[in-house]
PDB file of N, CA and C in Angstrom:
ATOM      1  N   UNK A   1       0.934  -1.326  -0.039  1.00  0.00           N
ATOM      2  CA  UNK A   1       0.080   0.053   0.071  1.00  0.00           C
ATOM      3  C   UNK A   1       0.874   1.236  -0.059  1.00  0.00           C
ATOM      4  N   UNK A   2       0.531   2.134  -0.898  1.00  0.00           N
ATOM      5  CA  UNK A   2       1.427   3.324  -1.077  1.00  0.00           C
ATOM      6  C   UNK A   2       1.037   4.422   0.081  1.00  0.00           C
ATOM      7  N   UNK A   3       2.056   5.318   0.307  1.00  0.00           N
ATOM      8  CA  UNK A   3       1.928   6.154   1.540  1.00  0.00           C
ATOM      9  C   UNK A   3       0.708   7.051   1.099  1.00  0.00           C
ATOM     10  N   UNK A   4       0.288   7.402  -0.040  1.00  0.00           N
ATOM     11  CA  UNK A   4      -0.815   8.261  -0.327  1.00  0.00           C
ATOM     12  C   UNK A   4      -2.187   7.579   0.104  1.00  0.00           C
ATOM     13  N   UNK A   5      -2.214   6.379  -0.246  1.00  0.00           N
ATOM     14  CA  UNK A   5      -3.316   5.440   0.210  1.00  0.00           C
ATOM     15  C   UNK A   5      -3.484   5.479   1.782  1.00  0.00           C
ATOM     16  N   UNK A   6      -2.412   5.392   2.421  1.00  0.00           N
ATOM     17  CA  UNK A   6      -2.716   5.233   3.889  1.00  0.00           C
ATOM     18  C   UNK A   6      -3.106   6.731   4.458  1.00  0.00           C
ATOM     19  N   UNK A   7      -2.322   7.658   3.819  1.00  0.00           N
ATOM     20  CA  UNK A   7      -2.869   9.171   4.312  1.00  0.00           C
ATOM     21  C   UNK A   7      -4.266   9.425   3.899  1.00  0.00           C
ATOM     22  N   UNK A   8      -4.866   8.788   2.929  1.00  0.00           N
ATOM     23  CA  UNK A   8      -6.231   8.907   2.695  1.00  0.00           C
ATOM     24  C   UNK A   8      -7.103   8.220   3.616  1.00  0.00           C
ATOM     25  N   UNK A   9      -6.810   6.952   3.949  1.00  0.00           N
ATOM     26  CA  UNK A   9      -7.323   6.170   5.160  1.00  0.00           C
ATOM     27  C   UNK A   9      -7.338   6.949   6.319  1.00  0.00           C
ATOM     28  N   UNK A  10      -6.393   7.717   6.785  1.00  0.00           N
ATOM     29  CA  UNK A  10      -6.218   8.504   7.971  1.00  0.00           C
ATOM     30  C   UNK A  10      -7.189   9.644   7.832  1.00  0.00           C
ATOM     31  N   UNK A  11      -7.326  10.360   6.555  1.00  0.00           N
ATOM     32  CA  UNK A  11      -8.168  11.334   6.449  1.00  0.00           C
ATOM     33  C   UNK A  11      -9.691  10.926   6.596  1.00  0.00           C
ATOM     34  N   UNK A  12      -9.948   9.622   6.025  1.00  0.00           N
ATOM     35  CA  UNK A  12     -11.294   9.107   5.984  1.00  0.00           C
ATOM     36  C   UNK A  12     -11.872   8.926   7.504  1.00  0.00           C
ATOM     37  N   UNK A  13     -10.593   8.198   8.433  1.00  0.00           N
ATOM     38  CA  UNK A  13     -10.990   8.061   9.715  1.00  0.00           C
ATOM     39  C   UNK A  13     -11.120   9.241  10.371  1.00  0.00           C
ATOM     40  N   UNK A  14     -10.547  10.289  10.159  1.00  0.00           N
ATOM     41  CA  UNK A  14     -10.692  11.699  10.835  1.00  0.00           C
ATOM     42  C   UNK A  14     -11.985  12.308  10.372  1.00  0.00           C
ATOM     43  N   UNK A  15     -12.409  12.300   9.294  1.00  0.00           N
ATOM     44  CA  UNK A  15     -13.611  12.834   8.767  1.00  0.00           C
ATOM     45  C   UNK A  15     -14.806  11.928   9.366  1.00  0.00           C
ATOM     46  N   UNK A  16     -14.709  10.667   9.632  1.00  0.00           N
ATOM     47  CA  UNK A  16     -15.720   9.919  10.365  1.00  0.00           C
ATOM     48  C   UNK A  16     -15.756  10.225  11.779  1.00  0.00           C
ATOM     49  N   UNK A  17     -14.631  10.457  12.392  1.00  0.00           N
ATOM     50  CA  UNK A  17     -14.749  10.838  13.875  1.00  0.00           C
ATOM     51  C   UNK A  17     -15.370  12.244  14.027  1.00  0.00           C
ATOM     52  N   UNK A  18     -15.052  13.225  13.151  1.00  0.00           N
ATOM     53  CA  UNK A  18     -15.533  14.503  13.256  1.00  0.00           C
ATOM     54  C   UNK A  18     -17.007  14.327  12.973  1.00  0.00           C
ATOM     55  N   UNK A  19     -17.483  13.488  11.988  1.00  0.00           N
ATOM     56  CA  UNK A  19     -18.799  13.395  11.645  1.00  0.00           C
ATOM     57  C   UNK A  19     -19.476  12.869  13.021  1.00  0.00           C
ATOM     58  N   UNK A  20     -18.798  11.920  13.699  1.00  0.00           N
ATOM     59  CA  UNK A  20     -19.526  11.119  14.800  1.00  0.00           C
ATOM     60  C   UNK A  20     -19.550  12.374  15.921  1.00  0.00           C
ATOM     61  N   UNK A  21     -18.695  13.074  15.919  1.00  0.00           N
ATOM     62  CA  UNK A  21     -18.786  14.397  17.033  1.00  0.00           C
ATOM     63  C   UNK A  21     -19.863  15.229  16.633  1.00  0.00           C
ATOM     64  N   UNK A  22     -19.989  15.719  15.437  1.00  0.00           N
ATOM     65  CA  UNK A  22     -21.044  16.713  15.133  1.00  0.00           C
ATOM     66  C   UNK A  22     -22.523  15.970  15.315  1.00  0.00           C
ATOM     67  N   UNK A  23     -22.590  14.717  14.971  1.00  0.00           N
ATOM     68  CA  UNK A  23     -23.768  13.993  15.476  1.00  0.00           C
ATOM     69  C   UNK A  23     -24.211  14.015  16.710  1.00  0.00           C
ATOM     70  N   UNK A  24     -23.134  13.656  17.658  1.00  0.00           N
ATOM     71  CA  UNK A  24     -23.263  13.770  19.111  1.00  0.00           C
ATOM     72  C   UNK A  24     -23.809  15.144  19.443  1.00  0.00           C
ATOM     73  N   UNK A  25     -23.191  16.246  18.987  1.00  0.00           N
ATOM     74  CA  UNK A  25     -23.494  17.549  19.177  1.00  0.00           C
ATOM     75  C   UNK A  25     -24.977  17.998  19.168  1.00  0.00           C
ATOM     76  N   UNK A  26     -25.362  17.309  17.613  1.00  0.00           N
ATOM     77  CA  UNK A  26     -26.797  17.481  17.100  1.00  0.00           C
ATOM     78  C   UNK A  26     -27.774  16.954  17.968  1.00  0.00           C
ATOM     79  N   UNK A  27     -27.309  15.698  18.460  1.00  0.00           N
ATOM     80  CA  UNK A  27     -28.320  14.970  19.502  1.00  0.00           C
ATOM     81  C   UNK A  27     -28.485  15.749  20.804  1.00  0.00           C
ATOM     82  N   UNK A  28     -27.397  16.133  21.291  1.00  0.00           N
ATOM     83  CA  UNK A  28     -27.351  16.932  22.503  1.00  0.00           C
ATOM     84  C   UNK A  28     -28.188  18.167  22.459  1.00  0.00           C
ATOM     85  N   UNK A  29     -28.268  18.871  21.162  1.00  0.00           N
ATOM     86  CA  UNK A  29     -29.075  20.031  20.928  1.00  0.00           C
ATOM     87  C   UNK A  29     -30.339  19.710  20.379  1.00  0.00           C
ATOM     88  N   UNK A  30     -30.770  18.654  20.094  1.00  0.00           N
ATOM     89  CA  UNK A  30     -32.002  18.173  19.642  1.00  0.00           C
ATOM     90  C   UNK A  30     -32.297  18.565  18.269  1.00  0.00           C
ATOM     91  N   UNK A  31     -31.177  18.490  17.376  1.00  0.00           N
ATOM     92  CA  UNK A  31     -31.164  19.256  15.933  1.00  0.00           C
ATOM     93  C   UNK A  31     -31.133  18.222  14.927  1.00  0.00           C
ATOM     94  N   UNK A  32     -31.497  16.890  15.177  1.00  0.00           N
ATOM     95  CA  UNK A  32     -31.182  15.704  14.158  1.00  0.00           C
ATOM     96  C   UNK A  32     -32.455  14.957  14.238  1.00  0.00           C
ATOM     97  N   UNK A  33     -32.829  14.587  12.924  1.00  0.00           N
ATOM     98  CA  UNK A  33     -34.029  13.748  12.672  1.00  0.00           C
ATOM     99  C   UNK A  33     -33.775  12.390  13.053  1.00  0.00           C
ATOM    100  N   UNK A  34     -34.723  11.430  13.398  1.00  0.00           N
ATOM    101  CA  UNK A  34     -34.395   9.994  13.549  1.00  0.00           C
ATOM    102  C   UNK A  34     -33.834   9.255  12.424  1.00  0.00           C
ATOM    103  N   UNK A  35     -34.358   9.819  11.229  1.00  0.00           N
ATOM    104  CA  UNK A  35     -33.903   8.898   9.924  1.00  0.00           C
ATOM    105  C   UNK A  35     -32.315   9.547   9.743  1.00  0.00           C
ATOM    106  N   UNK A  36     -32.005  10.862   9.954  1.00  0.00           N
ATOM    107  CA  UNK A  36     -30.670  11.124   9.689  1.00  0.00           C
ATOM    108  C   UNK A  36     -29.704  10.341  10.761  1.00  0.00           C
ATOM    109  N   UNK A  37     -30.197  10.505  12.129  1.00  0.00           N
ATOM    110  CA  UNK A  37     -29.446   9.633  13.001  1.00  0.00           C
ATOM    111  C   UNK A  37     -29.099   8.398  12.714  1.00  0.00           C
ATOM    112  N   UNK A  38     -30.393   7.583  12.441  1.00  0.00           N
ATOM    113  CA  UNK A  38     -30.165   6.244  12.124  1.00  0.00           C
ATOM    114  C   UNK A  38     -28.955   5.880  11.054  1.00  0.00           C
ATOM    115  N   UNK A  39     -29.304   6.770  10.005  1.00  0.00           N
ATOM    116  CA  UNK A  39     -28.456   6.542   8.686  1.00  0.00           C
ATOM    117  C   UNK A  39     -27.031   6.747   9.166  1.00  0.00           C
ATOM    118  N   UNK A  40     -26.702   7.869   9.751  1.00  0.00           N
ATOM    119  CA  UNK A  40     -25.276   8.276  10.419  1.00  0.00           C
ATOM    120  C   UNK A  40     -24.708   7.247  11.294  1.00  0.00           C
ATOM    121  N   UNK A  41     -25.622   6.851  12.175  1.00  0.00           N
ATOM    122  CA  UNK A  41     -25.218   5.849  13.218  1.00  0.00           C
ATOM    123  C   UNK A  41     -24.834   4.576  12.343  1.00  0.00           C
ATOM    124  N   UNK A  42     -25.611   4.107  11.505  1.00  0.00           N
ATOM    125  CA  UNK A  42     -25.162   2.706  10.984  1.00  0.00           C
ATOM    126  C   UNK A  42     -23.963   2.816  10.101  1.00  0.00           C
ATOM    127  N   UNK A  43     -23.693   3.951   9.541  1.00  0.00           N
ATOM    128  CA  UNK A  43     -22.613   4.225   8.584  1.00  0.00           C
ATOM    129  C   UNK A  43     -21.395   4.275   9.590  1.00  0.00           C
ATOM    130  N   UNK A  44     -21.370   5.066  10.558  1.00  0.00           N
ATOM    131  CA  UNK A  44     -20.263   5.255  11.444  1.00  0.00           C
ATOM    132  C   UNK A  44     -19.778   3.954  12.333  1.00  0.00           C
ATOM    133  N   UNK A  45     -20.872   3.263  12.674  1.00  0.00           N
ATOM    134  CA  UNK A  45     -20.689   2.068  13.340  1.00  0.00           C
ATOM    135  C   UNK A  45     -19.981   0.972  12.699  1.00  0.00           C
ATOM    136  N   UNK A  46     -20.082   1.031  11.376  1.00  0.00           N
ATOM    137  CA  UNK A  46     -19.181   0.126  10.512  1.00  0.00           C
ATOM    138  C   UNK A  46     -17.896   0.590  10.157  1.00  0.00           C
ATOM    139  N   UNK A  47     -17.901   2.013   9.803  1.00  0.00           N
ATOM    140  CA  UNK A  47     -16.626   2.576   9.060  1.00  0.00           C
ATOM    141  C   UNK A  47     -15.594   2.857  10.319  1.00  0.00           C
ATOM    142  N   UNK A  48     -15.893   3.205  11.321  1.00  0.00           N
ATOM    143  CA  UNK A  48     -14.916   3.705  12.353  1.00  0.00           C
ATOM    144  C   UNK A  48     -14.269   2.432  12.733  1.00  0.00           C
ATOM    145  N   UNK A  49     -14.879   1.457  13.264  1.00  0.00           N
ATOM    146  CA  UNK A  49     -14.216   0.247  13.721  1.00  0.00           C
ATOM    147  C   UNK A  49     -13.198  -0.400  12.548  1.00  0.00           C
ATOM    148  N   UNK A  50     -13.864  -0.514  11.443  1.00  0.00           N
ATOM    149  CA  UNK A  50     -13.097  -1.081  10.287  1.00  0.00           C
ATOM    150  C   UNK A  50     -11.769  -0.354  10.082  1.00  0.00           C
ATOM    151  N   UNK A  51     -11.960   1.064   9.985  1.00  0.00           N
ATOM    152  CA  UNK A  51     -10.748   1.793   9.774  1.00  0.00           C
ATOM    153  C   UNK A  51      -9.610   1.665  10.828  1.00  0.00           C
ATOM    154  N   UNK A  52     -10.153   1.596  11.990  1.00  0.00           N
ATOM    155  CA  UNK A  52      -9.246   1.470  13.228  1.00  0.00           C
ATOM    156  C   UNK A  52      -8.698   0.103  13.400  1.00  0.00           C
ATOM    157  N   UNK A  53      -9.293  -0.762  12.876  1.00  0.00           N
ATOM    158  CA  UNK A  53      -8.692  -2.157  12.818  1.00  0.00           C
ATOM    159  C   UNK A  53      -7.615  -2.496  11.740  1.00  0.00           C
ATOM    160  N   UNK A  54      -8.103  -1.970  10.571  1.00  0.00           N
ATOM    161  CA  UNK A  54      -7.375  -2.152   9.296  1.00  0.00           C
ATOM    162  C   UNK A  54      -6.028  -1.127   9.315  1.00  0.00           C
ATOM    163  N   UNK A  55      -6.127  -0.014   9.536  1.00  0.00           N
ATOM    164  CA  UNK A  55      -5.136   0.943   9.402  1.00  0.00           C
ATOM    165  C   UNK A  55      -3.804   0.629  10.105  1.00  0.00           C
ATOM    166  N   UNK A  56      -3.633   0.126  11.363  1.00  0.00           N
ATOM    167  CA  UNK A  56      -2.449  -0.390  11.808  1.00  0.00           C
ATOM    168  C   UNK A  56      -1.697  -1.384  10.945  1.00  0.00           C
ATOM    169  N   UNK A  57      -2.550  -2.262  10.548  1.00  0.00           N
ATOM    170  CA  UNK A  57      -1.888  -3.586   9.720  1.00  0.00           C
ATOM    171  C   UNK A  57      -1.524  -2.977   8.585  1.00  0.00           C
ATOM    172  N   UNK A  58      -2.324  -1.970   7.862  1.00  0.00           N
ATOM    173  CA  UNK A  58      -1.879  -1.521   6.637  1.00  0.00           C
ATOM    174  C   UNK A  58      -0.489  -0.605   6.793  1.00  0.00           C
ATOM    175  N   UNK A  59      -0.399   0.116   8.042  1.00  0.00           N
ATOM    176  CA  UNK A  59       0.973   0.804   8.121  1.00  0.00           C
ATOM    177  C   UNK A  59       1.898  -0.001   8.347  1.00  0.00           C
ATOM    178  N   UNK A  60       1.778  -1.214   9.052  1.00  0.00           N
ATOM    179  CA  UNK A  60       2.904  -2.236   9.364  1.00  0.00           C
ATOM    180  C   UNK A  60       3.374  -2.768   7.962  1.00  0.00           C
ATOM    181  N   UNK A  61       2.482  -3.252   7.133  1.00  0.00           N
ATOM    182  CA  UNK A  61       2.806  -3.713   5.928  1.00  0.00           C
ATOM    183  C   UNK A  61       3.552  -2.582   5.016  1.00  0.00           C
ATOM    184  N   UNK A  62       3.106  -1.499   5.087  1.00  0.00           N
ATOM    185  CA  UNK A  62       3.834  -0.516   4.242  1.00  0.00           C
ATOM    186  C   UNK A  62       5.166  -0.260   4.846  1.00  0.00           C
ATOM    187  N   UNK A  63       5.519  -0.244   6.026  1.00  0.00           N
ATOM    188  CA  UNK A  63       6.792  -0.148   6.697  1.00  0.00           C
ATOM    189  C   UNK A  63       7.800  -1.304   6.094  1.00  0.00           C
ATOM    190  N   UNK A  64       6.949  -2.609   6.322  1.00  0.00           N
ATOM    191  CA  UNK A  64       7.923  -3.731   5.780  1.00  0.00           C
ATOM    192  C   UNK A  64       8.333  -3.564   4.474  1.00  0.00           C
ATOM    193  N   UNK A  65       7.442  -3.040   3.686  1.00  0.00           N
ATOM    194  CA  UNK A  65       7.698  -3.098   1.978  1.00  0.00           C
ATOM    195  C   UNK A  65       8.819  -1.914   1.897  1.00  0.00           C
ATOM    196  N   UNK A  66       8.700  -0.819   2.625  1.00  0.00           N
ATOM    197  CA  UNK A  66       9.676   0.188   2.587  1.00  0.00           C
ATOM    198  C   UNK A  66      11.193  -0.112   2.838  1.00  0.00           C
ATOM    199  N   UNK A  67      11.217  -1.041   3.974  1.00  0.00           N
ATOM    200  CA  UNK A  67      12.544  -1.467   4.343  1.00  0.00           C
ATOM    201  C   UNK A  67      13.269  -2.380   3.328  1.00  0.00           C
TER     202      UNK A  67
END
């Protein structure tokens, strides 16, 4: 995996975490519909753990291939 691809995955994870924080804020302010909340929740529940699990392994593989 190339360094650019790893950087893109890092960016996607950061965006997903920011989105999760915005949703939490909207929930606390009562400014989100149930449909929006459900869709965002389902997306983030899959995306964030996947990226967190895969990213370290991809980084290790990338380091091995560079050495």
